[in-house]
Every structure is written in structure tokens, then in C-alpha cells.
Amino acid sequence: MKRITANKEILGGKPIIKGTRISVEFILELLASGITEDEVLRDYPHLTKDDIHACLEYAAHALKNEIFLELETK
């Protein structure tokens, strides 16, 4: 999970894409609503396909209860 992190100071500690304030939850909601990867990348040009895939990977592992993220400290 190199691209996903959590920091209690950002979005209340929700998992986010590292270096952004964009939550995994937000990306998953976009994709679930029918927005394509290309549309996400067009609307958020600082993201990469790898970032989107990391969100999907995170969700898959979270459903298996395999995610353990340490909260970053400032």
C-alpha cells in the first residue's frame, strides 16, 4: 500500500491517496457511479492510473480485513 496512507489530520484519518486530500472512498464512489478511470484522470490530472488501482486494491484487501495502516504523525 505505497500509494494509500492515513493521517488523523487529513479527512479525519480516512485512507487517502498519498500526497493528496482525495480519499479512497471518494474514488470508489466515483467509479461506482459509472465515471470511468479516464474521466477521473481528466478531472484530477494530478492522479495516475496507479493511484486509482491502489484504491481498488485497498478496497479488495479491506473487505478481506487485510489492511493495517499506521496513522502518520506530523
Protein backbone atom coordinates (compact mmCIF):
# COMPACT_ATOMS: atom_id res chain seq x y z
CA MET A 1 0.00 0.00 0.00
CA LYS A 2 2.65 2.52 -1.03
CA ARG A 3 0.11 4.92 -2.55
CA ILE A 4 -2.50 4.82 0.23
CA THR A 5 -2.00 6.40 3.63
CA ALA A 6 -3.98 7.76 6.55
CA ASN A 7 -3.35 10.79 8.72
CA LYS A 8 -5.69 11.82 11.52
CA GLU A 9 -5.13 15.45 10.50
CA ILE A 10 -6.47 14.84 6.97
CA LEU A 11 -10.13 13.90 6.46
CA GLY A 12 -10.33 12.57 10.00
CA GLY A 13 -7.91 9.73 9.29
CA LYS A 14 -9.73 8.26 6.29
CA PRO A 15 -7.47 6.39 3.86
CA ILE A 16 -6.28 8.80 1.16
CA ILE A 17 -4.07 8.77 -1.89
CA LYS A 18 -0.65 9.76 -0.62
CA GLY A 19 0.21 13.40 -1.31
CA THR A 20 -3.44 14.38 -1.81
CA ARG A 21 -6.58 15.05 0.16
CA ILE A 22 -8.52 12.62 -2.04
CA SER A 23 -9.97 9.69 -0.15
CA VAL A 24 -10.11 6.12 -1.32
CA GLU A 25 -13.82 6.29 -0.54
CA PHE A 26 -14.28 9.23 -2.94
CA ILE A 27 -12.54 7.45 -5.82
CA LEU A 28 -14.58 4.29 -5.20
CA GLU A 29 -17.78 6.33 -5.18
CA LEU A 30 -16.85 7.94 -8.50
CA LEU A 31 -16.14 4.58 -10.11
CA ALA A 32 -19.28 3.01 -8.62
CA SER A 33 -21.38 5.83 -10.07
CA GLY A 34 -20.20 4.95 -13.58
CA ILE A 35 -17.43 7.50 -14.04
CA THR A 36 -14.57 5.96 -15.98
CA GLU A 37 -10.91 5.94 -14.98
CA ASP A 38 -10.18 8.30 -17.86
CA GLU A 39 -12.82 10.76 -16.62
CA VAL A 40 -11.35 10.66 -13.11
CA LEU A 41 -7.89 11.30 -14.50
CA ARG A 42 -9.18 14.17 -16.64
CA ASP A 43 -10.93 15.79 -13.66
CA TYR A 44 -7.99 15.14 -11.30
CA PRO A 45 -4.89 15.38 -13.51
CA HIS A 46 -2.51 15.02 -10.56
CA LEU A 47 -3.73 11.43 -10.10
CA THR A 48 -2.44 8.43 -12.03
CA LYS A 49 -3.96 5.13 -13.09
CA ASP A 50 -1.76 3.54 -10.43
CA ASP A 51 -3.47 5.73 -7.81
CA ILE A 52 -6.90 4.53 -8.94
CA HIS A 53 -5.77 0.92 -8.99
CA ALA A 54 -4.31 1.35 -5.49
CA CYS A 55 -7.77 2.45 -4.30
CA LEU A 56 -9.32 -0.66 -5.80
CA GLU A 57 -6.61 -2.85 -4.29
CA TYR A 58 -7.12 -1.19 -0.92
CA ALA A 59 -10.86 -1.88 -1.07
CA ALA A 60 -10.32 -5.52 -2.03
CA HIS A 61 -7.91 -6.06 0.86
CA ALA A 62 -10.12 -4.13 3.28
CA LEU A 63 -13.00 -6.48 2.53
CA LYS A 64 -10.72 -9.35 3.50
CA ASN A 65 -9.71 -7.49 6.68
CA GLU A 66 -6.09 -7.49 5.49
CA ILE A 67 -5.44 -3.74 5.82
CA PHE A 68 -3.31 -2.35 8.56
CA LEU A 69 -2.30 1.30 8.10
CA GLU A 70 -0.37 3.21 10.69
CA LEU A 71 -1.54 6.77 11.11
CA GLU A 72 1.09 9.29 10.13
CA THR A 73 2.20 11.75 12.72
CA LYS A 74 3.01 15.33 11.95
